[in-house]
Amino acid sequence: MNRQPSIQRQRGISLTALIFILIIVALIAMLGMKVVPTVIEYKAITKAVVAARDAGTSVRDIQLAFDKRAEAGYIETLKGTDLEITKVDNEFVVSFAYEKKIPLFGPASLVIDYAGTTAKAAPRRAKD
């Protein structure tokens, strides 16, 4: 019996490719762990701005209401005086904008610009 072993090509991932993939996954995870808290803070700021606008009857009242909510929500990025408050059609419109710098490693950092407003969006025109 002359039996020849069948040579099949091995399938799988090499050690080098595995290490490369793990490095990429680690970098993405690190970036996510640093960016997600800033997004959560932005959402908290947006909620605090809307609540402050609804609670205030003057510019100073809105600023103080925001400061109280910011203190309770551990928001340190903005203060009430950083808010841009205007009155449009007998209603206050509160806007804010800030930039968050996230250090990554060494001299590299990520800068994210956040902005928000309580202004109602303009109605969309129907397409003909």
Protein backbone atom coordinates (compact mmCIF):
# COMPACT_ATOMS: atom_id res chain seq x y z
CA MET A 1 0.00 0.00 0.00
CA ASN A 2 1.54 3.12 -1.19
CA ARG A 3 -0.33 5.77 0.62
CA GLN A 4 0.69 9.37 0.15
CA PRO A 5 -0.25 11.84 2.82
CA SER A 6 -2.52 14.56 1.56
CA ILE A 7 -0.90 17.91 1.93
CA GLN A 8 -3.44 20.49 2.87
CA ARG A 9 -2.72 24.11 3.22
CA GLN A 10 -2.93 25.24 6.82
CA ARG A 11 -5.46 27.89 7.57
CA GLY A 12 -5.35 30.43 10.32
CA ILE A 13 -3.67 33.59 11.40
CA SER A 14 0.03 34.01 11.94
CA LEU A 15 1.49 35.29 15.19
CA THR A 16 2.59 38.53 13.52
CA ALA A 17 -0.89 39.18 12.16
CA LEU A 18 -2.42 38.40 15.56
CA ILE A 19 -0.12 40.89 17.30
CA PHE A 20 -0.89 43.53 14.66
CA ILE A 21 -4.64 43.03 15.09
CA LEU A 22 -4.35 43.20 18.89
CA ILE A 23 -2.43 46.48 18.65
CA ILE A 24 -5.10 47.98 16.38
CA VAL A 25 -7.89 46.80 18.71
CA ALA A 26 -6.05 48.23 21.73
CA LEU A 27 -5.62 51.62 20.03
CA ILE A 28 -9.30 51.76 19.08
CA ALA A 29 -10.31 50.76 22.63
CA MET A 30 -8.01 53.41 24.12
CA LEU A 31 -9.47 56.06 21.84
CA GLY A 32 -13.00 55.00 22.74
CA MET A 33 -12.27 55.08 26.47
CA LYS A 34 -11.04 58.65 26.14
CA VAL A 35 -13.73 59.97 23.77
CA VAL A 36 -16.88 58.41 25.27
CA PRO A 37 -16.72 60.43 28.54
CA THR A 38 -16.56 63.69 26.56
CA VAL A 39 -19.64 62.68 24.56
CA ILE A 40 -21.48 61.82 27.78
CA GLU A 41 -20.46 65.21 29.22
CA TYR A 42 -21.75 66.94 26.05
CA LYS A 43 -25.11 65.21 26.44
CA ALA A 44 -25.25 66.28 30.11
CA ILE A 45 -24.43 69.88 29.15
CA THR A 46 -27.17 69.86 26.52
CA LYS A 47 -29.74 68.60 29.04
CA ALA A 48 -28.60 71.15 31.65
CA VAL A 49 -28.85 74.00 29.13
CA VAL A 50 -32.40 73.04 28.15
CA ALA A 51 -33.46 72.70 31.79
CA ALA A 52 -31.83 76.04 32.69
CA ARG A 53 -33.56 77.78 29.79
CA ASP A 54 -36.92 76.41 30.89
CA ALA A 55 -36.32 77.42 34.52
CA GLY A 56 -35.04 80.95 33.93
CA THR A 57 -36.90 84.19 33.32
CA SER A 58 -33.84 86.35 32.71
CA VAL A 59 -30.31 85.93 31.42
CA ARG A 60 -28.88 85.86 34.94
CA ASP A 61 -31.51 83.34 36.11
CA ILE A 62 -30.59 81.02 33.23
CA GLN A 63 -26.89 81.33 34.05
CA LEU A 64 -27.48 80.56 37.73
CA ALA A 65 -29.79 77.65 36.93
CA PHE A 66 -27.16 76.21 34.59
CA ASP A 67 -24.44 76.61 37.23
CA LYS A 68 -26.56 74.69 39.76
CA ARG A 69 -27.22 71.87 37.31
CA ALA A 70 -23.59 71.84 36.21
CA GLU A 71 -22.44 71.49 39.82
CA ALA A 72 -24.90 68.66 40.45
CA GLY A 73 -23.90 66.93 37.20
CA TYR A 74 -20.13 67.33 37.69
CA ILE A 75 -19.85 69.51 34.58
CA GLU A 76 -16.62 71.49 34.76
CA THR A 77 -16.17 72.41 31.11
CA LEU A 78 -18.68 75.28 30.93
CA LYS A 79 -19.95 77.89 33.34
CA GLY A 80 -23.16 79.88 33.13
CA THR A 81 -21.23 82.92 31.94
CA ASP A 82 -19.94 80.92 28.95
CA LEU A 83 -23.46 80.50 27.58
CA GLU A 84 -24.63 82.78 24.77
CA ILE A 85 -28.19 83.76 25.64
CA THR A 86 -30.40 85.70 23.25
CA LYS A 87 -34.11 86.43 23.13
CA VAL A 88 -35.94 85.49 19.94
CA ASP A 89 -39.72 85.94 19.64
CA ASN A 90 -40.18 86.34 23.42
CA GLU A 91 -38.28 83.10 24.03
CA PHE A 92 -34.73 82.64 25.24
CA VAL A 93 -32.32 80.81 22.97
CA VAL A 94 -29.23 79.43 24.69
CA SER A 95 -26.18 78.45 22.65
CA PHE A 96 -22.81 77.11 23.66
CA ALA A 97 -19.61 75.98 22.02
CA TYR A 98 -16.41 74.59 23.44
CA GLU A 99 -13.46 72.47 22.48
CA LYS A 100 -12.18 69.44 24.32
CA LYS A 101 -8.53 68.42 24.00
CA ILE A 102 -7.86 64.77 24.73
CA PRO A 103 -4.21 63.78 25.22
CA LEU A 104 -3.46 60.46 23.53
CA PHE A 105 0.24 59.67 23.88
CA GLY A 106 3.37 61.76 23.74
CA PRO A 107 2.76 64.98 21.84
CA ALA A 108 -0.33 63.59 20.06
CA SER A 109 -3.77 64.74 21.13
CA LEU A 110 -7.30 64.76 19.77
CA VAL A 111 -9.32 67.99 19.68
CA ILE A 112 -13.12 67.78 19.46
CA ASP A 113 -15.31 70.85 18.90
CA TYR A 114 -18.70 70.63 20.58
CA ALA A 115 -21.55 73.10 20.01
CA GLY A 116 -25.23 73.17 20.81
CA THR A 117 -28.26 75.40 20.94
CA THR A 118 -31.84 75.37 22.14
CA ALA A 119 -33.04 77.11 18.97
CA LYS A 120 -35.74 75.32 17.11
CA ALA A 121 -34.69 74.10 13.70
CA ALA A 122 -36.10 75.97 10.75
CA PRO A 123 -38.94 74.08 9.08
CA ARG A 124 -37.88 72.13 6.04
CA ARG A 125 -39.29 73.11 2.71
CA ALA A 126 -41.16 70.45 0.82
CA LYS A 127 -39.52 69.35 -2.40
CA ASP A 128 -41.55 69.98 -5.52
